[in-house]
Protein backbone atom coordinates (compact mmCIF):
# COMPACT_ATOMS: atom_id res chain seq x y z
CA MET A 1 -47.18 -68.99 59.58
CA GLN A 2 -44.68 -66.31 61.32
CA LEU A 3 -44.36 -62.30 60.71
CA ARG A 4 -40.45 -61.17 60.86
CA LEU A 5 -40.20 -57.36 61.31
CA LYS A 6 -37.34 -55.31 60.34
CA ARG A 7 -37.03 -51.64 61.18
CA ASP A 8 -33.70 -48.97 60.02
CA GLN A 9 -33.59 -45.64 59.32
CA LYS A 10 -31.52 -43.34 57.97
CA ALA A 11 -30.53 -39.95 57.63
CA GLY A 12 -29.71 -37.58 55.13
CA MET A 13 -27.71 -34.96 54.12
CA THR A 14 -30.31 -32.86 55.60
CA GLY A 15 -30.46 -34.72 58.93
CA ASN A 16 -34.01 -35.38 58.27
CA VAL A 17 -33.96 -39.02 58.69
CA THR A 18 -36.17 -42.01 57.03
CA PHE A 19 -37.91 -44.34 58.98
CA LYS A 20 -37.88 -47.93 57.37
CA LEU A 21 -40.16 -51.16 57.71
CA TYR A 22 -39.57 -54.29 56.80
CA PHE A 23 -41.31 -56.98 56.76
CA ILE A 24 -42.24 -61.34 55.50
CA VAL A 25 -44.53 -63.30 56.54
CA ASP A 26 -43.36 -67.14 55.99
CA LEU A 27 -45.94 -70.03 55.72
CA ASP A 28 -46.46 -73.59 56.45
CA PRO A 29 -47.15 -75.72 53.59
CA GLU A 30 -50.15 -75.89 54.31
CA GLU A 31 -50.62 -72.72 53.58
CA ALA A 32 -48.97 -71.84 51.47
CA ALA A 33 -50.79 -74.69 49.24
CA ALA A 34 -54.56 -72.36 50.10
CA LEU A 35 -53.12 -69.59 48.89
CA GLN A 36 -52.58 -70.81 46.03
CA LYS A 37 -54.99 -72.49 45.31
CA TYR A 38 -58.23 -69.62 46.28
CA LYS A 39 -55.96 -66.64 44.66
CA PHE A 40 -56.10 -64.41 47.25
CA GLY A 41 -53.12 -62.99 46.75
CA LYS A 42 -53.68 -59.92 45.31
CA ASP A 43 -56.15 -58.77 48.17
CA ILE A 44 -55.04 -55.78 49.92
CA VAL A 45 -54.27 -55.76 53.13
CA TYR A 46 -53.02 -52.12 53.93
CA GLU A 47 -52.94 -48.95 52.22
CA THR A 48 -51.07 -46.01 54.01
CA PRO A 49 -53.12 -42.86 54.71
CA THR A 50 -51.50 -41.32 52.22
CA GLY A 51 -52.87 -43.98 49.62
CA ALA A 52 -56.26 -44.20 51.60
CA ALA A 53 -56.93 -40.15 51.20
CA ALA A 54 -55.55 -40.35 47.54
CA SER A 55 -57.82 -43.55 46.49
CA ALA A 56 -60.84 -42.38 48.07
CA GLY A 57 -60.35 -38.83 45.59
CA LEU A 58 -59.56 -40.48 42.63
CA ARG A 59 -62.99 -42.67 43.47
CA GLY A 60 -65.20 -39.65 44.15
CA ALA A 61 -64.12 -38.53 41.01
CA GLU A 62 -66.83 -37.28 38.82
CA GLY A 63 -66.39 -38.09 34.77
CA VAL A 64 -65.46 -42.14 35.13
CA GLY A 65 -68.31 -44.73 36.03
CA ASN A 66 -68.10 -46.32 38.62
CA ILE A 67 -66.41 -49.64 37.93
CA GLY A 68 -63.17 -47.61 36.56
CA ARG A 69 -63.16 -44.78 39.42
CA GLY A 70 -62.24 -48.07 42.06
CA LEU A 71 -59.50 -49.79 39.38
CA VAL A 72 -58.09 -46.30 38.13
CA ALA A 73 -57.49 -45.37 41.88
CA THR A 74 -56.41 -49.05 43.06
CA LEU A 75 -53.77 -48.16 40.51
CA ALA A 76 -52.62 -45.29 41.52
CA ALA A 77 -51.81 -45.98 44.56
CA LYS A 78 -50.31 -48.34 43.94
CA ALA A 79 -48.51 -46.45 41.46
CA LEU A 80 -48.22 -44.52 44.54
CA ASN A 81 -46.70 -48.04 46.41
CA GLN A 82 -49.59 -46.94 48.96
CA ILE A 83 -51.49 -50.71 48.95
CA LEU A 84 -50.16 -53.82 50.12
CA THR A 85 -51.05 -57.16 49.37
CA VAL A 86 -51.56 -61.12 50.91
CA ASN A 87 -48.41 -61.42 47.85
CA ASP A 88 -46.33 -58.51 49.26
CA MET A 89 -46.65 -60.27 52.64
CA VAL A 90 -46.01 -63.21 50.63
CA ASN A 91 -43.01 -62.29 49.02
CA GLY A 92 -41.47 -59.33 51.52
CA LYS A 93 -42.19 -55.89 51.03
CA GLU A 94 -40.20 -52.56 52.75
CA ILE A 95 -42.45 -48.80 53.16
CA ALA A 96 -40.39 -46.39 53.62
CA CYS A 97 -42.16 -43.46 56.70
CA LYS A 98 -41.63 -40.25 57.17
CA ASP A 99 -41.46 -41.03 61.23
CA ILE A 100 -42.13 -43.14 63.74
CA GLY A 101 -45.70 -42.71 64.17
CA GLU A 102 -46.05 -43.59 60.96
CA MET A 103 -44.02 -46.48 61.47
CA ILE A 104 -45.47 -47.74 64.85
CA ALA A 105 -49.05 -47.61 62.80
CA ALA A 106 -47.75 -49.33 59.66
CA GLU A 107 -46.43 -51.84 61.98
CA GLU A 108 -49.71 -52.49 63.85
CA GLN A 109 -52.20 -52.56 60.50
CA ILE A 110 -49.19 -54.94 59.23
CA LYS A 111 -49.77 -57.46 62.39
CA GLU A 112 -53.51 -56.85 62.35
CA ALA A 113 -52.96 -58.53 58.38
CA CYS A 114 -51.66 -61.07 59.72
CA ASN A 115 -54.13 -62.13 62.15
CA GLY A 116 -56.74 -61.89 59.22
CA LEU A 117 -54.73 -63.64 56.83
CA SER A 118 -54.54 -66.28 59.34
CA ARG A 119 -58.24 -66.64 60.06
CA ILE A 120 -59.21 -66.96 56.61
CA LEU A 121 -55.96 -69.72 55.67
CA TYR A 122 -58.27 -71.34 59.28
CA ALA A 123 -60.89 -70.69 57.52
CA CYS A 124 -59.51 -73.13 54.31
CA ARG A 125 -58.05 -75.22 55.22
CA HIS A 126 -61.33 -76.02 57.25
CA PHE A 127 -64.18 -76.72 53.79
CA GLU A 128 -66.38 -79.37 54.56
CA GLY A 129 -65.72 -79.76 57.40
CA GLU A 130 -67.71 -79.37 60.87
CA GLU A 131 -66.19 -77.22 63.27
CA ILE A 132 -68.34 -77.14 66.88
CA ILE A 133 -68.07 -73.90 68.92
CA ASP A 134 -69.47 -73.69 72.51
CA VAL A 135 -71.39 -70.55 72.61
CA VAL A 136 -71.60 -69.21 76.41
CA PRO A 137 -74.85 -68.97 78.00
CA PHE A 138 -75.43 -64.68 78.07
CA GLN A 139 -75.80 -63.45 81.40
CA SER A 140 -77.68 -60.20 82.29
CA GLU A 141 -75.71 -57.90 84.53
CA ALA A 142 -79.30 -57.59 87.08
């Protein structure tokens, strides 16, 4: 698996700068096959703070059942382009950020999501097998 990042900035007519982060994850054939087999492409791997706040507010809305709240919140956040899924990572996605700090935070979340995806794909490759893990003995500080 490889993560490719591209950073860009554009100045608007008012002088405001918009920062853009484009990313795509390249999978090897075995990883791509696992993604297809286990169908976790729609799993959410990143949600911007704005999207998280919006979804949390919608999830707490009164008059909507628990399942309805979660669905409405997810659909609303996706409509605002605030949620990224495994499919977004594999197909490539561009995120617009209001400042460099937000772009750096998004980049860190994407890297963390890649590490999580890598662990999931590792587990997929090792089903129906045995793994032996050496455990370091506990040593007290006394």
